Every structure is written in C-alpha cells, then in structure tokens.
Amino acid sequence: MSTPDTKTRILAAAEQVVLERGVPALTLDAVAEAAGLSKGGLIYHFESKEALIRAMIARIGACMQERMDRLGAADGKPGTWTRAYLGAAFPPPGTPDDRDATREAALIAALGYDPALMAPYAKQYAGWVEQQRADGIDPVLAAIVRLAADGLWLNEVFGIRAVDPADRAAVLQRLDAMTRPGA
C-alpha cells in the first residue's frame, strides 16, 4: 500500500480507537493493531503520539474545508462563504457529510484538551474568519451567524440541548436566511 493510503488507514484507525475507547486508549500500540501494522510501521509515518494527534486534527480541518469548498462552489452569491460554513458544520441529517461532521465533532471534543495540539486548527479557523470578512455581506452579521453556529455546534458536541430538537432546523434556516442580501 502506498504511503498516503497507509497514512489514511492509520488516521482512520486512530479515530476508531478514540471514538470507541476514548483518548486514554490512544496509544501507538493500539493504533498499530487497529491499522493492521507493526508499531514500527506506524512510527515510520507518525514518529509520536503527538504527531498522530496533530495529523488527526489537521484531517478534521481538511474535511470541514472540503465540505465548505463543495458547498461554496454550488452557490456563488454574496454570503456564500458563511452559508458554506453553516452547511458544512450542520449537513443534512443522515447524509455521509452528517456522519463525517458528527465524527469530527466527537474527535475535536476528545482531542481538544491541549491548546498546543489545537494550534494548527486555530490557525485554519483564523483564516476562515478572514475569508468570511470578504464574503460580500455585512461582516458583523456574518460573524454573528458564524458565532451562533459555533455555539450551537459546541453545545451539541458536549451534549447540551441549547435548542429544542423540534426548533433546530428552523434555527439553522433562520441563520441561513440572515446571510442572504435583503433578508
């Protein structure tokens, strides 16, 4: 198997270990076993547990960016970036994107304990904030929508019901509507 495929397999195995057994079970031995590799084979690709966690967090950001790019390409109107962010964070329930976003949220909640490990994601997020400022809508309104989405997302990550489930879709629709000129 080629190196990129092996790295992807290792990252998927690491995610599986964290999601099924928790961060304390995330050891190089456990990941190597889950990936079907020797520990030396894993270390060839990720020299330490910290390097593996950094790669996992980078993959989460890359997946979110991929969904945003896909959603933004289908829009092209003022507010596109903000709507893409909202749609990438809250994909339609039951879709593959929804399963990915749910997995990523669980991983961020589990792995986000160390600010140094989260620094690359924080840097990517800062870039998203800058992109949003050029979204073609009032930057303050765009920030309000993003921050509301972040708040809802974090509440859901930590199992806090901030919005009645019956109202969730309406809240997301209202946030989307706020990004449309003349709304």
N, C-alpha and C. Protein backbone atom coordinates (compact mmCIF):
# COMPACT_ATOMS: atom_id res chain seq x y z
N MET A 1 0.85 -1.18 0.00
CA MET A 1 0.00 0.00 0.00
C MET A 1 0.89 1.24 0.00
N SER A 2 0.49 2.26 -0.73
CA SER A 2 1.31 3.47 -0.81
C SER A 2 1.24 4.27 0.49
N THR A 3 2.19 5.16 0.65
CA THR A 3 2.30 5.95 1.88
C THR A 3 1.02 6.74 2.19
N PRO A 4 0.45 7.50 1.23
CA PRO A 4 -0.77 8.24 1.58
C PRO A 4 -1.90 7.32 2.01
N ASP A 5 -2.06 6.15 1.35
CA ASP A 5 -3.10 5.22 1.76
C ASP A 5 -2.84 4.68 3.15
N THR A 6 -1.59 4.40 3.46
CA THR A 6 -1.24 3.90 4.77
C THR A 6 -1.49 4.97 5.83
N LYS A 7 -1.13 6.20 5.53
CA LYS A 7 -1.40 7.28 6.49
C LYS A 7 -2.90 7.44 6.72
N THR A 8 -3.69 7.37 5.68
CA THR A 8 -5.14 7.47 5.82
C THR A 8 -5.67 6.32 6.66
N ARG A 9 -5.16 5.13 6.43
CA ARG A 9 -5.59 3.95 7.21
C ARG A 9 -5.21 4.13 8.68
N ILE A 10 -4.02 4.65 8.94
CA ILE A 10 -3.59 4.88 10.32
C ILE A 10 -4.48 5.93 10.99
N LEU A 11 -4.77 7.01 10.29
CA LEU A 11 -5.63 8.06 10.87
C LEU A 11 -7.03 7.53 11.16
N ALA A 12 -7.56 6.74 10.24
CA ALA A 12 -8.89 6.15 10.46
C ALA A 12 -8.86 5.20 11.67
N ALA A 13 -7.79 4.44 11.80
CA ALA A 13 -7.66 3.53 12.95
C ALA A 13 -7.55 4.33 14.25
N ALA A 14 -6.79 5.41 14.23
CA ALA A 14 -6.66 6.26 15.43
C ALA A 14 -8.01 6.86 15.81
N GLU A 15 -8.76 7.32 14.82
CA GLU A 15 -10.10 7.86 15.09
C GLU A 15 -10.97 6.79 15.72
N GLN A 16 -10.91 5.59 15.18
CA GLN A 16 -11.70 4.48 15.70
C GLN A 16 -11.35 4.20 17.16
N VAL A 17 -10.08 4.19 17.47
CA VAL A 17 -9.65 3.95 18.86
C VAL A 17 -10.23 5.03 19.78
N VAL A 18 -10.10 6.30 19.38
CA VAL A 18 -10.60 7.39 20.23
C VAL A 18 -12.11 7.32 20.38
N LEU A 19 -12.82 7.10 19.29
CA LEU A 19 -14.28 7.10 19.35
C LEU A 19 -14.84 5.90 20.09
N GLU A 20 -14.17 4.76 20.00
CA GLU A 20 -14.68 3.55 20.65
C GLU A 20 -14.20 3.39 22.09
N ARG A 21 -12.96 3.85 22.37
CA ARG A 21 -12.37 3.58 23.68
C ARG A 21 -11.93 4.82 24.44
N GLY A 22 -11.94 5.99 23.78
CA GLY A 22 -11.55 7.23 24.45
C GLY A 22 -10.09 7.56 24.26
N VAL A 23 -9.75 8.82 24.55
CA VAL A 23 -8.39 9.32 24.37
C VAL A 23 -7.37 8.53 25.20
N PRO A 24 -7.69 8.13 26.45
CA PRO A 24 -6.68 7.38 27.21
C PRO A 24 -6.22 6.09 26.51
N ALA A 25 -7.07 5.52 25.66
CA ALA A 25 -6.72 4.29 24.94
C ALA A 25 -5.90 4.57 23.68
N LEU A 26 -5.73 5.84 23.34
CA LEU A 26 -4.98 6.19 22.13
C LEU A 26 -3.49 6.03 22.40
N THR A 27 -3.00 4.84 22.10
CA THR A 27 -1.57 4.55 22.20
C THR A 27 -1.09 4.13 20.83
N LEU A 28 0.19 4.24 20.61
CA LEU A 28 0.74 3.81 19.32
C LEU A 28 0.50 2.32 19.10
N ASP A 29 0.60 1.54 20.17
CA ASP A 29 0.35 0.10 20.05
C ASP A 29 -1.10 -0.17 19.63
N ALA A 30 -2.06 0.52 20.27
CA ALA A 30 -3.47 0.31 19.95
C ALA A 30 -3.78 0.72 18.51
N VAL A 31 -3.21 1.84 18.07
CA VAL A 31 -3.45 2.31 16.71
C VAL A 31 -2.81 1.37 15.70
N ALA A 32 -1.59 0.93 15.97
CA ALA A 32 -0.92 0.00 15.06
C ALA A 32 -1.74 -1.27 14.90
N GLU A 33 -2.23 -1.80 16.02
CA GLU A 33 -3.06 -3.00 15.96
C GLU A 33 -4.33 -2.76 15.15
N ALA A 34 -5.01 -1.64 15.42
CA ALA A 34 -6.26 -1.33 14.70
C ALA A 34 -6.01 -1.11 13.21
N ALA A 35 -4.83 -0.61 12.86
CA ALA A 35 -4.50 -0.35 11.45
C ALA A 35 -3.90 -1.58 10.76
N GLY A 36 -3.63 -2.63 11.54
CA GLY A 36 -3.04 -3.83 10.96
C GLY A 36 -1.58 -3.65 10.59
N LEU A 37 -0.87 -2.86 11.39
CA LEU A 37 0.55 -2.58 11.15
C LEU A 37 1.36 -2.94 12.38
N SER A 38 2.66 -3.04 12.18
CA SER A 38 3.55 -3.14 13.33
C SER A 38 3.69 -1.74 13.93
N LYS A 39 4.12 -1.67 15.16
CA LYS A 39 4.35 -0.36 15.78
C LYS A 39 5.42 0.39 15.00
N GLY A 40 6.44 -0.32 14.53
CA GLY A 40 7.49 0.31 13.71
C GLY A 40 6.93 0.87 12.42
N GLY A 41 5.97 0.16 11.82
CA GLY A 41 5.33 0.65 10.60
C GLY A 41 4.55 1.93 10.84
N LEU A 42 3.90 1.99 12.00
CA LEU A 42 3.17 3.21 12.35
C LEU A 42 4.16 4.35 12.61
N ILE A 43 5.22 4.08 13.34
CA ILE A 43 6.19 5.12 13.68
C ILE A 43 6.90 5.64 12.43
N TYR A 44 6.99 4.84 11.40
CA TYR A 44 7.56 5.30 10.14
C TYR A 44 6.77 6.49 9.60
N HIS A 45 5.45 6.46 9.81
CA HIS A 45 4.58 7.52 9.30
C HIS A 45 4.31 8.63 10.32
N PHE A 46 4.24 8.27 11.59
CA PHE A 46 3.97 9.23 12.67
C PHE A 46 4.93 8.91 13.81
N GLU A 47 5.92 9.78 14.00
CA GLU A 47 7.01 9.48 14.94
C GLU A 47 6.60 9.48 16.40
N SER A 48 5.40 10.01 16.71
CA SER A 48 4.97 10.06 18.11
C SER A 48 3.45 10.14 18.18
N LYS A 49 2.94 9.93 19.36
CA LYS A 49 1.50 10.06 19.59
C LYS A 49 1.07 11.50 19.30
N GLU A 50 1.89 12.46 19.70
CA GLU A 50 1.59 13.87 19.44
C GLU A 50 1.50 14.15 17.94
N ALA A 51 2.42 13.60 17.16
CA ALA A 51 2.38 13.79 15.71
C ALA A 51 1.11 13.17 15.12
N LEU A 52 0.71 12.04 15.65
CA LEU A 52 -0.52 11.39 15.20
C LEU A 52 -1.74 12.25 15.52
N ILE A 53 -1.79 12.79 16.72
CA ILE A 53 -2.93 13.65 17.11
C ILE A 53 -2.95 14.91 16.25
N ARG A 54 -1.79 15.50 16.00
CA ARG A 54 -1.75 16.68 15.13
C ARG A 54 -2.30 16.36 13.75
N ALA A 55 -1.94 15.20 13.23
CA ALA A 55 -2.43 14.79 11.90
C ALA A 55 -3.94 14.54 11.94
N MET A 56 -4.43 13.99 13.03
CA MET A 56 -5.88 13.77 13.16
C MET A 56 -6.62 15.10 13.15
N ILE A 57 -6.11 16.08 13.89
CA ILE A 57 -6.75 17.39 13.95
C ILE A 57 -6.67 18.08 12.59
N ALA A 58 -5.54 17.95 11.91
CA ALA A 58 -5.41 18.54 10.57
C ALA A 58 -6.41 17.91 9.61
N ARG A 59 -6.63 16.61 9.74
CA ARG A 59 -7.59 15.92 8.87
C ARG A 59 -9.01 16.44 9.13
N ILE A 60 -9.33 16.72 10.38
CA ILE A 60 -10.65 17.27 10.71
C ILE A 60 -10.85 18.61 9.99
N GLY A 61 -9.84 19.49 10.09
CA GLY A 61 -9.93 20.78 9.41
C GLY A 61 -10.02 20.64 7.90
N ALA A 62 -9.27 19.69 7.34
CA ALA A 62 -9.30 19.47 5.89
C ALA A 62 -10.66 18.96 5.44
N CYS A 63 -11.26 18.10 6.22
CA CYS A 63 -12.59 17.58 5.86
C CYS A 63 -13.65 18.69 5.90
N MET A 64 -13.58 19.53 6.93
CA MET A 64 -14.50 20.67 7.02
C MET A 64 -14.30 21.59 5.82
N GLN A 65 -13.04 21.88 5.50
CA GLN A 65 -12.73 22.74 4.36
C GLN A 65 -13.26 22.14 3.05
N GLU A 66 -13.13 20.85 2.88
CA GLU A 66 -13.61 20.19 1.66
C GLU A 66 -15.12 20.35 1.53
N ARG A 67 -15.85 20.17 2.63
CA ARG A 67 -17.31 20.36 2.58
C ARG A 67 -17.64 21.81 2.26
N MET A 68 -16.92 22.75 2.88
CA MET A 68 -17.17 24.17 2.60
C MET A 68 -16.90 24.50 1.14
N ASP A 69 -15.80 23.99 0.60
CA ASP A 69 -15.47 24.25 -0.80
C ASP A 69 -16.56 23.71 -1.72
N ARG A 70 -17.03 22.50 -1.44
CA ARG A 70 -18.06 21.88 -2.27
C ARG A 70 -19.36 22.69 -2.20
N LEU A 71 -19.76 23.08 -1.01
CA LEU A 71 -20.99 23.85 -0.85
C LEU A 71 -20.86 25.25 -1.45
N GLY A 72 -19.70 25.88 -1.27
CA GLY A 72 -19.48 27.22 -1.81
C GLY A 72 -19.48 27.24 -3.33
N ALA A 73 -18.96 26.18 -3.95
CA ALA A 73 -18.90 26.10 -5.41
C ALA A 73 -20.30 26.07 -6.02
N ALA A 74 -21.26 25.58 -5.27
CA ALA A 74 -22.63 25.47 -5.78
C ALA A 74 -23.45 26.74 -5.54
N ASP A 75 -22.85 27.77 -4.93
CA ASP A 75 -23.62 28.96 -4.54
C ASP A 75 -23.18 30.17 -5.36
N GLY A 76 -22.10 30.81 -4.98
CA GLY A 76 -21.56 31.93 -5.74
C GLY A 76 -22.19 33.29 -5.54
N LYS A 77 -23.08 33.44 -4.59
CA LYS A 77 -23.72 34.73 -4.32
C LYS A 77 -23.13 35.33 -3.04
N PRO A 78 -23.36 36.64 -2.80
CA PRO A 78 -22.88 37.22 -1.53
C PRO A 78 -23.37 36.38 -0.34
N GLY A 79 -22.48 36.14 0.58
CA GLY A 79 -22.81 35.31 1.74
C GLY A 79 -22.49 33.84 1.53
N THR A 80 -21.92 33.52 0.37
CA THR A 80 -21.61 32.12 0.05
C THR A 80 -20.76 31.47 1.12
N TRP A 81 -19.69 32.14 1.53
CA TRP A 81 -18.77 31.52 2.48
C TRP A 81 -19.50 31.20 3.79
N THR A 82 -20.29 32.14 4.28
CA THR A 82 -20.97 31.94 5.56
C THR A 82 -21.99 30.81 5.45
N ARG A 83 -22.72 30.74 4.34
CA ARG A 83 -23.66 29.64 4.15
C ARG A 83 -22.92 28.30 4.03
N ALA A 84 -21.78 28.31 3.36
CA ALA A 84 -21.00 27.08 3.23
C ALA A 84 -20.50 26.62 4.60
N TYR A 85 -20.07 27.55 5.43
CA TYR A 85 -19.63 27.22 6.78
C TYR A 85 -20.78 26.59 7.57
N LEU A 86 -21.93 27.23 7.50
CA LEU A 86 -23.11 26.74 8.21
C LEU A 86 -23.49 25.35 7.71
N GLY A 87 -23.50 25.17 6.39
CA GLY A 87 -23.86 23.87 5.82
C GLY A 87 -22.84 22.79 6.10
N ALA A 88 -21.56 23.16 6.16
CA ALA A 88 -20.51 22.17 6.45
C ALA A 88 -20.55 21.76 7.92
N ALA A 89 -20.90 22.67 8.80
CA ALA A 89 -20.99 22.35 10.22
C ALA A 89 -22.26 21.56 10.54
N PHE A 90 -23.32 21.80 9.77
CA PHE A 90 -24.62 21.16 10.02
C PHE A 90 -25.18 20.57 8.73
N PRO A 91 -24.56 19.51 8.22
CA PRO A 91 -25.06 18.89 6.98
C PRO A 91 -26.45 18.27 7.20
N PRO A 92 -27.15 17.99 6.13
CA PRO A 92 -28.47 17.36 6.29
C PRO A 92 -28.35 16.04 7.08
N PRO A 93 -29.25 15.84 8.04
CA PRO A 93 -29.20 14.63 8.87
C PRO A 93 -29.23 13.36 8.03
N GLY A 94 -28.43 12.38 8.48
CA GLY A 94 -28.44 11.08 7.83
C GLY A 94 -27.56 10.95 6.60
N THR A 95 -26.93 12.05 6.17
CA THR A 95 -26.08 12.00 4.99
C THR A 95 -24.65 11.60 5.37
N PRO A 96 -23.85 11.18 4.38
CA PRO A 96 -22.44 10.91 4.70
C PRO A 96 -21.73 12.13 5.29
N ASP A 97 -22.06 13.33 4.80
CA ASP A 97 -21.45 14.54 5.38
C ASP A 97 -21.83 14.70 6.85
N ASP A 98 -23.07 14.37 7.18
CA ASP A 98 -23.53 14.45 8.57
C ASP A 98 -22.75 13.47 9.44
N ARG A 99 -22.55 12.26 8.95
CA ARG A 99 -21.78 11.27 9.72
C ARG A 99 -20.34 11.75 9.91
N ASP A 100 -19.76 12.33 8.84
CA ASP A 100 -18.39 12.85 8.95
C ASP A 100 -18.32 13.99 9.95
N ALA A 101 -19.27 14.92 9.86
CA ALA A 101 -19.26 16.08 10.76
C ALA A 101 -19.45 15.65 12.22
N THR A 102 -20.29 14.66 12.44
CA THR A 102 -20.51 14.14 13.79
C THR A 102 -19.24 13.48 14.32
N ARG A 103 -18.57 12.70 13.48
CA ARG A 103 -17.31 12.06 13.88
C ARG A 103 -16.27 13.13 14.21
N GLU A 104 -16.16 14.14 13.36
CA GLU A 104 -15.18 15.20 13.57
C GLU A 104 -15.46 15.96 14.86
N ALA A 105 -16.73 16.23 15.15
CA ALA A 105 -17.08 16.94 16.38
C ALA A 105 -16.67 16.13 17.60
N ALA A 106 -16.95 14.83 17.56
CA ALA A 106 -16.56 13.97 18.69
C ALA A 106 -15.05 13.95 18.86
N LEU A 107 -14.33 13.93 17.77
CA LEU A 107 -12.87 13.91 17.86
C LEU A 107 -12.32 15.23 18.39
N ILE A 108 -12.88 16.35 17.94
CA ILE A 108 -12.43 17.66 18.46
C ILE A 108 -12.69 17.72 19.97
N ALA A 109 -13.86 17.25 20.38
CA ALA A 109 -14.18 17.26 21.81
C ALA A 109 -13.18 16.40 22.59
N ALA A 110 -12.80 15.27 22.03
CA ALA A 110 -11.89 14.36 22.71
C ALA A 110 -10.45 14.84 22.66
N LEU A 111 -10.04 15.40 21.53
CA LEU A 111 -8.63 15.73 21.33
C LEU A 111 -8.29 17.18 21.67
N GLY A 112 -9.30 18.01 21.88
CA GLY A 112 -9.08 19.43 22.06
C GLY A 112 -8.60 19.85 23.43
N TYR A 113 -8.04 18.94 24.18
CA TYR A 113 -7.62 19.22 25.55
C TYR A 113 -6.31 20.00 25.63
N ASP A 114 -5.55 20.05 24.54
CA ASP A 114 -4.23 20.68 24.57
C ASP A 114 -4.19 21.82 23.55
N PRO A 115 -4.14 23.07 24.00
CA PRO A 115 -4.12 24.19 23.06
C PRO A 115 -2.97 24.12 22.05
N ALA A 116 -1.84 23.58 22.45
CA ALA A 116 -0.71 23.47 21.52
C ALA A 116 -1.04 22.52 20.37
N LEU A 117 -1.74 21.43 20.68
CA LEU A 117 -2.13 20.50 19.63
C LEU A 117 -3.21 21.10 18.72
N MET A 118 -4.02 21.97 19.27
CA MET A 118 -5.10 22.60 18.50
C MET A 118 -4.62 23.80 17.71
N ALA A 119 -3.39 24.24 17.91
CA ALA A 119 -2.89 25.46 17.27
C ALA A 119 -3.05 25.45 15.74
N PRO A 120 -2.74 24.36 15.04
CA PRO A 120 -2.94 24.39 13.59
C PRO A 120 -4.41 24.58 13.20
N TYR A 121 -5.32 23.96 13.96
CA TYR A 121 -6.75 24.14 13.68
C TYR A 121 -7.16 25.58 13.97
N ALA A 122 -6.63 26.13 15.07
CA ALA A 122 -6.92 27.53 15.41
C ALA A 122 -6.43 28.46 14.31
N LYS A 123 -5.27 28.15 13.74
CA LYS A 123 -4.74 28.97 12.64
C LYS A 123 -5.64 28.85 11.40
N GLN A 124 -6.09 27.64 11.11
CA GLN A 124 -7.01 27.45 9.98
C GLN A 124 -8.30 28.22 10.23
N TYR A 125 -8.81 28.16 11.45
CA TYR A 125 -10.05 28.87 11.79
C TYR A 125 -9.86 30.38 11.63
N ALA A 126 -8.71 30.89 12.03
CA ALA A 126 -8.43 32.33 11.86
C ALA A 126 -8.47 32.69 10.38
N GLY A 127 -7.98 31.80 9.52
CA GLY A 127 -8.07 32.02 8.08
C GLY A 127 -9.51 32.04 7.61
N TRP A 128 -10.33 31.18 8.19
CA TRP A 128 -11.75 31.17 7.83
C TRP A 128 -12.41 32.49 8.23
N VAL A 129 -12.04 33.01 9.40
CA VAL A 129 -12.59 34.29 9.85
C VAL A 129 -12.23 35.39 8.84
N GLU A 130 -10.99 35.39 8.37
CA GLU A 130 -10.57 36.39 7.37
C GLU A 130 -11.31 36.21 6.06
N GLN A 131 -11.51 34.98 5.62
CA GLN A 131 -12.27 34.73 4.40
C GLN A 131 -13.70 35.24 4.56
N GLN A 132 -14.26 35.04 5.72
CA GLN A 132 -15.63 35.46 5.95
C GLN A 132 -15.78 36.97 5.86
N ARG A 133 -14.75 37.71 6.26
CA ARG A 133 -14.83 39.18 6.21
C ARG A 133 -15.01 39.67 4.77
N ALA A 134 -14.60 38.88 3.80
CA ALA A 134 -14.73 39.25 2.38
C ALA A 134 -15.86 38.49 1.71
N ASP A 135 -16.86 38.13 2.46
CA ASP A 135 -17.94 37.27 1.96
C ASP A 135 -19.02 38.02 1.17
N GLY A 136 -18.94 39.34 1.17
CA GLY A 136 -19.92 40.11 0.40
C GLY A 136 -21.17 40.50 1.17
N ILE A 137 -21.20 40.16 2.44
CA ILE A 137 -22.31 40.62 3.30
C ILE A 137 -21.70 41.35 4.48
N ASP A 138 -22.55 42.01 5.25
CA ASP A 138 -22.09 42.75 6.42
C ASP A 138 -21.22 41.83 7.28
N PRO A 139 -19.94 42.18 7.48
CA PRO A 139 -19.04 41.29 8.23
C PRO A 139 -19.49 41.03 9.67
N VAL A 140 -20.15 41.99 10.28
CA VAL A 140 -20.62 41.78 11.65
C VAL A 140 -21.77 40.76 11.64
N LEU A 141 -22.69 40.89 10.69
CA LEU A 141 -23.78 39.92 10.58
C LEU A 141 -23.22 38.53 10.28
N ALA A 142 -22.24 38.45 9.38
CA ALA A 142 -21.63 37.16 9.06
C ALA A 142 -20.97 36.56 10.30
N ALA A 143 -20.30 37.39 11.08
CA ALA A 143 -19.67 36.90 12.32
C ALA A 143 -20.72 36.41 13.30
N ILE A 144 -21.83 37.11 13.40
CA ILE A 144 -22.90 36.69 14.31
C ILE A 144 -23.42 35.31 13.90
N VAL A 145 -23.63 35.10 12.61
CA VAL A 145 -24.10 33.80 12.13
C VAL A 145 -23.07 32.72 12.44
N ARG A 146 -21.80 32.99 12.15
CA ARG A 146 -20.74 32.00 12.42
C ARG A 146 -20.66 31.69 13.91
N LEU A 147 -20.71 32.73 14.75
CA LEU A 147 -20.61 32.51 16.19
C LEU A 147 -21.83 31.76 16.73
N ALA A 148 -23.01 32.05 16.20
CA ALA A 148 -24.21 31.30 16.61
C ALA A 148 -24.07 29.84 16.21
N ALA A 149 -23.56 29.60 15.00
CA ALA A 149 -23.35 28.22 14.54
C ALA A 149 -22.32 27.53 15.44
N ASP A 150 -21.24 28.24 15.76
CA ASP A 150 -20.22 27.66 16.64
C ASP A 150 -20.80 27.32 18.01
N GLY A 151 -21.61 28.21 18.54
CA GLY A 151 -22.22 27.97 19.84
C GLY A 151 -23.14 26.76 19.83
N LEU A 152 -23.97 26.66 18.81
CA LEU A 152 -24.85 25.50 18.68
C LEU A 152 -24.03 24.23 18.52
N TRP A 153 -22.99 24.30 17.68
CA TRP A 153 -22.13 23.15 17.43
C TRP A 153 -21.47 22.69 18.73
N LEU A 154 -20.89 23.62 19.49
CA LEU A 154 -20.23 23.25 20.75
C LEU A 154 -21.21 22.67 21.76
N ASN A 155 -22.39 23.25 21.83
CA ASN A 155 -23.40 22.70 22.74
C ASN A 155 -23.72 21.26 22.36
N GLU A 156 -23.87 21.01 21.06
CA GLU A 156 -24.17 19.65 20.62
C GLU A 156 -23.00 18.71 20.86
N VAL A 157 -21.77 19.19 20.67
CA VAL A 157 -20.59 18.37 20.91
C VAL A 157 -20.57 17.89 22.36
N PHE A 158 -20.95 18.77 23.28
CA PHE A 158 -20.90 18.43 24.70
C PHE A 158 -22.23 17.94 25.25
N GLY A 159 -23.17 17.64 24.36
CA GLY A 159 -24.44 17.05 24.78
C GLY A 159 -25.36 17.99 25.52
N ILE A 160 -25.21 19.28 25.28
CA ILE A 160 -26.08 20.27 25.92
C ILE A 160 -27.17 20.65 24.93
N ARG A 161 -28.42 20.52 25.35
CA ARG A 161 -29.51 20.86 24.46
C ARG A 161 -29.79 22.36 24.57
N ALA A 162 -29.20 23.13 23.66
CA ALA A 162 -29.36 24.58 23.65
C ALA A 162 -30.63 24.99 22.92
N VAL A 163 -31.08 24.13 22.03
CA VAL A 163 -32.27 24.39 21.22
C VAL A 163 -33.12 23.13 21.24
N ASP A 164 -34.41 23.29 21.39
CA ASP A 164 -35.30 22.15 21.32
C ASP A 164 -35.11 21.48 19.96
N PRO A 165 -35.00 20.15 19.93
CA PRO A 165 -34.78 19.47 18.65
C PRO A 165 -35.81 19.83 17.59
N ALA A 166 -37.03 20.11 18.01
CA ALA A 166 -38.07 20.49 17.05
C ALA A 166 -37.78 21.85 16.42
N ASP A 167 -37.00 22.69 17.10
CA ASP A 167 -36.69 24.04 16.60
C ASP A 167 -35.35 24.13 15.91
N ARG A 168 -34.53 23.10 16.00
CA ARG A 168 -33.16 23.15 15.47
C ARG A 168 -33.12 23.50 13.99
N ALA A 169 -33.92 22.82 13.18
CA ALA A 169 -33.92 23.08 11.74
C ALA A 169 -34.35 24.51 11.45
N ALA A 170 -35.31 25.02 12.20
CA ALA A 170 -35.78 26.39 11.99
C ALA A 170 -34.68 27.40 12.36
N VAL A 171 -33.92 27.11 13.40
CA VAL A 171 -32.81 27.98 13.80
C VAL A 171 -31.77 28.01 12.68
N LEU A 172 -31.40 26.84 12.16
CA LEU A 172 -30.41 26.79 11.09
C LEU A 172 -30.93 27.48 9.82
N GLN A 173 -32.21 27.32 9.52
CA GLN A 173 -32.80 28.01 8.35
C GLN A 173 -32.75 29.52 8.55
N ARG A 174 -33.03 29.99 9.76
CA ARG A 174 -33.01 31.43 10.03
C ARG A 174 -31.60 31.96 9.89
N LEU A 175 -30.60 31.22 10.41
CA LEU A 175 -29.21 31.65 10.26
C LEU A 175 -28.84 31.73 8.78
N ASP A 176 -29.25 30.74 8.00
CA ASP A 176 -29.01 30.77 6.55
C ASP A 176 -29.67 31.99 5.92
N ALA A 177 -30.91 32.25 6.27
CA ALA A 177 -31.65 33.38 5.70
C ALA A 177 -30.97 34.72 6.02
N MET A 178 -30.34 34.78 7.19
CA MET A 178 -29.65 36.02 7.58
C MET A 178 -28.47 36.33 6.67
N THR A 179 -27.95 35.33 5.97
CA THR A 179 -26.79 35.54 5.10
C THR A 179 -27.17 35.99 3.70
N ARG A 180 -28.44 36.06 3.42
CA ARG A 180 -28.91 36.40 2.08
C ARG A 180 -29.25 37.88 2.01
N PRO A 181 -28.67 38.59 1.07
CA PRO A 181 -28.94 40.04 0.95
C PRO A 181 -30.45 40.30 0.89
N GLY A 182 -30.84 41.33 1.64
CA GLY A 182 -32.24 41.71 1.69
C GLY A 182 -33.06 40.92 2.70
N ALA A 183 -32.39 40.02 3.43
CA ALA A 183 -33.13 39.21 4.41
C ALA A 183 -33.43 40.02 5.66
